[in-house]
Amino acid sequence: MLRLEKVSRVYRTRRGDVKALDKVSLFIDKGEFVVVRGPSGSGKTTLLLSIGGMLRPTEGQVIADGSDIYAMSERDRARFRAKNIGFVFQLF
């Protein structure tokens, strides 16, 4: 089970703040398949990296199997990701 609770990600730039994610809440049940799609720049990669424990949200929680993954150490997040999450990266 994966749950996002009001997840936001803000990138700070010289031109001002850019909100890639704005209070996203989501529930994905075990065994469920999900497709993330949208136009370029809509936050898809930011969302997936946050879910995978590779990009800490500015606000909110990413909870997997009852545990906040950002309360884990980087090493434990890497182990969790290796065991539980599959990624096909777009940059290859």
N, C-alpha and C. Protein backbone atom coordinates (compact mmCIF):
# COMPACT_ATOMS: atom_id res chain seq x y z
N MET A 1 0.84 -1.16 0.00
CA MET A 1 0.00 0.00 0.00
C MET A 1 0.89 1.24 0.00
N LEU A 2 0.52 2.19 -0.79
CA LEU A 2 1.27 3.44 -0.89
C LEU A 2 0.28 4.60 -0.75
N ARG A 3 0.64 5.55 0.09
CA ARG A 3 -0.25 6.69 0.31
C ARG A 3 0.57 7.98 0.30
N LEU A 4 0.11 8.95 -0.43
CA LEU A 4 0.69 10.28 -0.40
C LEU A 4 -0.30 11.19 0.31
N GLU A 5 0.21 11.96 1.25
CA GLU A 5 -0.63 12.87 2.02
C GLU A 5 -0.17 14.30 1.79
N LYS A 6 -0.91 15.05 1.01
CA LYS A 6 -0.65 16.47 0.76
C LYS A 6 0.81 16.74 0.42
N VAL A 7 1.32 16.01 -0.56
CA VAL A 7 2.72 16.14 -0.97
C VAL A 7 2.89 17.34 -1.91
N SER A 8 3.82 18.20 -1.55
CA SER A 8 4.17 19.35 -2.38
C SER A 8 5.67 19.34 -2.62
N ARG A 9 6.07 19.85 -3.76
CA ARG A 9 7.49 20.03 -4.07
C ARG A 9 7.65 21.37 -4.76
N VAL A 10 8.47 22.22 -4.16
CA VAL A 10 8.73 23.55 -4.69
C VAL A 10 10.20 23.63 -5.07
N TYR A 11 10.46 24.10 -6.27
CA TYR A 11 11.83 24.36 -6.72
C TYR A 11 12.04 25.87 -6.64
N ARG A 12 13.11 26.26 -5.99
CA ARG A 12 13.44 27.69 -5.88
C ARG A 12 14.37 28.08 -7.02
N THR A 13 14.01 29.11 -7.75
CA THR A 13 14.83 29.60 -8.85
C THR A 13 15.05 31.10 -8.67
N ARG A 14 15.94 31.65 -9.47
CA ARG A 14 16.17 33.10 -9.42
C ARG A 14 14.92 33.88 -9.81
N ARG A 15 14.11 33.28 -10.63
CA ARG A 15 12.87 33.95 -11.07
C ARG A 15 11.71 33.76 -10.10
N GLY A 16 11.92 32.97 -9.07
CA GLY A 16 10.86 32.72 -8.10
C GLY A 16 10.63 31.24 -7.91
N ASP A 17 9.68 30.92 -7.07
CA ASP A 17 9.37 29.52 -6.76
C ASP A 17 8.52 28.90 -7.86
N VAL A 18 8.79 27.62 -8.12
CA VAL A 18 8.01 26.84 -9.08
C VAL A 18 7.44 25.64 -8.33
N LYS A 19 6.12 25.53 -8.29
CA LYS A 19 5.46 24.40 -7.63
C LYS A 19 5.30 23.27 -8.63
N ALA A 20 6.09 22.22 -8.45
CA ALA A 20 5.97 21.05 -9.32
C ALA A 20 4.84 20.15 -8.85
N LEU A 21 4.65 20.06 -7.54
CA LEU A 21 3.55 19.31 -6.95
C LEU A 21 2.87 20.20 -5.92
N ASP A 22 1.56 20.19 -5.89
CA ASP A 22 0.82 21.06 -4.99
C ASP A 22 -0.21 20.26 -4.21
N LYS A 23 0.18 19.81 -3.02
CA LYS A 23 -0.71 19.09 -2.10
C LYS A 23 -1.37 17.88 -2.75
N VAL A 24 -0.55 17.03 -3.34
CA VAL A 24 -1.04 15.81 -4.00
C VAL A 24 -1.33 14.75 -2.95
N SER A 25 -2.53 14.19 -2.98
CA SER A 25 -2.90 13.06 -2.14
C SER A 25 -3.29 11.92 -3.07
N LEU A 26 -2.85 10.72 -2.71
CA LEU A 26 -3.03 9.57 -3.60
C LEU A 26 -2.98 8.30 -2.77
N PHE A 27 -3.77 7.31 -3.14
CA PHE A 27 -3.73 5.99 -2.50
C PHE A 27 -3.60 4.94 -3.58
N ILE A 28 -2.60 4.08 -3.45
CA ILE A 28 -2.41 2.97 -4.39
C ILE A 28 -2.39 1.70 -3.56
N ASP A 29 -3.32 0.81 -3.84
CA ASP A 29 -3.42 -0.44 -3.09
C ASP A 29 -2.42 -1.46 -3.60
N LYS A 30 -2.07 -2.40 -2.75
CA LYS A 30 -1.15 -3.46 -3.13
C LYS A 30 -1.68 -4.21 -4.36
N GLY A 31 -0.81 -4.42 -5.35
CA GLY A 31 -1.18 -5.13 -6.56
C GLY A 31 -1.82 -4.26 -7.63
N GLU A 32 -2.08 -3.02 -7.30
CA GLU A 32 -2.72 -2.11 -8.26
C GLU A 32 -1.66 -1.54 -9.21
N PHE A 33 -2.02 -1.39 -10.47
CA PHE A 33 -1.15 -0.78 -11.47
C PHE A 33 -1.66 0.64 -11.73
N VAL A 34 -0.72 1.57 -11.82
CA VAL A 34 -1.07 2.97 -12.01
C VAL A 34 -0.24 3.54 -13.14
N VAL A 35 -0.86 4.34 -13.97
CA VAL A 35 -0.17 5.05 -15.04
C VAL A 35 -0.18 6.53 -14.68
N VAL A 36 0.99 7.15 -14.80
CA VAL A 36 1.10 8.59 -14.58
C VAL A 36 1.36 9.23 -15.93
N ARG A 37 0.46 10.10 -16.35
CA ARG A 37 0.64 10.75 -17.64
C ARG A 37 0.21 12.20 -17.55
N GLY A 38 0.75 12.99 -18.46
CA GLY A 38 0.42 14.40 -18.49
C GLY A 38 1.41 15.12 -19.39
N PRO A 39 1.17 16.38 -19.63
CA PRO A 39 2.06 17.14 -20.52
C PRO A 39 3.43 17.36 -19.89
N SER A 40 4.38 17.69 -20.73
CA SER A 40 5.73 18.02 -20.28
C SER A 40 5.67 19.14 -19.24
N GLY A 41 6.41 18.95 -18.16
CA GLY A 41 6.46 19.98 -17.13
C GLY A 41 5.34 19.93 -16.11
N SER A 42 4.51 18.89 -16.15
CA SER A 42 3.37 18.83 -15.24
C SER A 42 3.69 18.20 -13.89
N GLY A 43 4.91 17.70 -13.70
CA GLY A 43 5.30 17.15 -12.40
C GLY A 43 5.35 15.64 -12.32
N LYS A 44 5.24 14.95 -13.44
CA LYS A 44 5.23 13.48 -13.43
C LYS A 44 6.51 12.91 -12.84
N THR A 45 7.65 13.36 -13.31
CA THR A 45 8.93 12.84 -12.83
C THR A 45 9.14 13.21 -11.37
N THR A 46 8.79 14.42 -11.00
CA THR A 46 8.90 14.84 -9.60
C THR A 46 8.05 13.93 -8.71
N LEU A 47 6.84 13.63 -9.14
CA LEU A 47 5.96 12.74 -8.39
C LEU A 47 6.59 11.36 -8.23
N LEU A 48 7.06 10.78 -9.32
CA LEU A 48 7.63 9.43 -9.27
C LEU A 48 8.90 9.38 -8.43
N LEU A 49 9.74 10.38 -8.55
CA LEU A 49 10.97 10.42 -7.74
C LEU A 49 10.63 10.56 -6.26
N SER A 50 9.61 11.32 -5.95
CA SER A 50 9.18 11.47 -4.56
C SER A 50 8.62 10.15 -4.02
N ILE A 51 7.81 9.48 -4.81
CA ILE A 51 7.27 8.18 -4.41
C ILE A 51 8.39 7.17 -4.19
N GLY A 52 9.41 7.22 -5.03
CA GLY A 52 10.52 6.27 -4.95
C GLY A 52 11.56 6.58 -3.91
N GLY A 53 11.38 7.65 -3.17
CA GLY A 53 12.34 7.98 -2.12
C GLY A 53 13.60 8.66 -2.61
N MET A 54 13.57 9.17 -3.83
CA MET A 54 14.77 9.79 -4.40
C MET A 54 14.72 11.31 -4.39
N LEU A 55 13.56 11.89 -4.07
CA LEU A 55 13.42 13.34 -4.05
C LEU A 55 12.46 13.71 -2.93
N ARG A 56 13.02 14.27 -1.87
CA ARG A 56 12.23 14.60 -0.69
C ARG A 56 11.22 15.71 -1.02
N PRO A 57 9.96 15.49 -0.69
CA PRO A 57 8.97 16.54 -0.90
C PRO A 57 9.26 17.75 0.00
N THR A 58 8.84 18.92 -0.44
CA THR A 58 8.95 20.11 0.39
C THR A 58 7.99 20.00 1.57
N GLU A 59 6.83 19.43 1.33
CA GLU A 59 5.81 19.21 2.37
C GLU A 59 5.13 17.88 2.14
N GLY A 60 4.49 17.36 3.18
CA GLY A 60 3.67 16.17 3.06
C GLY A 60 4.44 14.90 3.38
N GLN A 61 3.73 13.79 3.26
CA GLN A 61 4.29 12.48 3.59
C GLN A 61 4.07 11.49 2.46
N VAL A 62 5.05 10.60 2.30
CA VAL A 62 4.94 9.46 1.40
C VAL A 62 5.00 8.24 2.31
N ILE A 63 3.90 7.51 2.40
CA ILE A 63 3.79 6.40 3.34
C ILE A 63 3.64 5.10 2.57
N ALA A 64 4.55 4.18 2.83
CA ALA A 64 4.52 2.87 2.18
C ALA A 64 4.45 1.80 3.25
N ASP A 65 3.48 0.94 3.13
CA ASP A 65 3.27 -0.12 4.12
C ASP A 65 3.29 0.41 5.55
N GLY A 66 2.69 1.58 5.75
CA GLY A 66 2.56 2.15 7.08
C GLY A 66 3.73 2.98 7.57
N SER A 67 4.81 3.07 6.79
CA SER A 67 5.99 3.82 7.22
C SER A 67 6.23 5.02 6.31
N ASP A 68 6.54 6.15 6.94
CA ASP A 68 6.92 7.35 6.18
C ASP A 68 8.32 7.11 5.62
N ILE A 69 8.45 7.01 4.31
CA ILE A 69 9.74 6.64 3.73
C ILE A 69 10.80 7.72 3.94
N TYR A 70 10.39 8.96 4.15
CA TYR A 70 11.38 10.01 4.38
C TYR A 70 11.79 10.12 5.85
N ALA A 71 11.21 9.27 6.71
CA ALA A 71 11.71 9.13 8.08
C ALA A 71 12.84 8.09 8.10
N MET A 72 12.99 7.34 7.00
CA MET A 72 14.06 6.35 6.87
C MET A 72 15.37 7.04 6.48
N SER A 73 16.48 6.37 6.78
CA SER A 73 17.77 6.86 6.31
C SER A 73 17.84 6.66 4.79
N GLU A 74 18.79 7.33 4.15
CA GLU A 74 18.96 7.15 2.69
C GLU A 74 19.23 5.69 2.36
N ARG A 75 20.03 5.05 3.18
CA ARG A 75 20.37 3.63 2.96
C ARG A 75 19.13 2.75 3.04
N ASP A 76 18.31 2.99 4.06
CA ASP A 76 17.08 2.20 4.21
C ASP A 76 16.08 2.48 3.08
N ARG A 77 16.03 3.74 2.62
CA ARG A 77 15.17 4.04 1.47
C ARG A 77 15.65 3.31 0.23
N ALA A 78 16.96 3.24 0.04
CA ALA A 78 17.51 2.53 -1.12
C ALA A 78 17.16 1.04 -1.04
N ARG A 79 17.26 0.47 0.14
CA ARG A 79 16.88 -0.95 0.31
C ARG A 79 15.39 -1.15 0.04
N PHE A 80 14.59 -0.26 0.58
CA PHE A 80 13.15 -0.34 0.37
C PHE A 80 12.83 -0.27 -1.12
N ARG A 81 13.45 0.67 -1.81
CA ARG A 81 13.22 0.86 -3.25
C ARG A 81 13.63 -0.39 -4.02
N ALA A 82 14.79 -0.95 -3.69
CA ALA A 82 15.28 -2.14 -4.39
C ALA A 82 14.34 -3.33 -4.21
N LYS A 83 13.74 -3.42 -3.05
CA LYS A 83 12.88 -4.56 -2.74
C LYS A 83 11.43 -4.38 -3.21
N ASN A 84 10.95 -3.13 -3.25
CA ASN A 84 9.52 -2.90 -3.41
C ASN A 84 9.08 -2.09 -4.62
N ILE A 85 9.98 -1.36 -5.25
CA ILE A 85 9.57 -0.43 -6.31
C ILE A 85 10.39 -0.69 -7.56
N GLY A 86 9.72 -0.76 -8.70
CA GLY A 86 10.42 -0.89 -9.98
C GLY A 86 10.33 0.40 -10.76
N PHE A 87 11.45 0.83 -11.31
CA PHE A 87 11.49 2.06 -12.10
C PHE A 87 12.03 1.77 -13.49
N VAL A 88 11.43 2.38 -14.48
CA VAL A 88 12.00 2.43 -15.83
C VAL A 88 12.25 3.92 -16.06
N PHE A 89 13.52 4.30 -16.05
CA PHE A 89 13.86 5.72 -16.16
C PHE A 89 13.74 6.20 -17.59
N GLN A 90 13.35 7.45 -17.75
CA GLN A 90 13.19 8.02 -19.08
C GLN A 90 14.50 8.52 -19.65
N LEU A 91 15.53 8.62 -18.83
CA LEU A 91 16.83 9.13 -19.28
C LEU A 91 17.78 7.97 -19.50
N PHE A 92 17.87 7.49 -20.71
CA PHE A 92 18.80 6.38 -20.99
C PHE A 92 19.38 6.54 -22.36
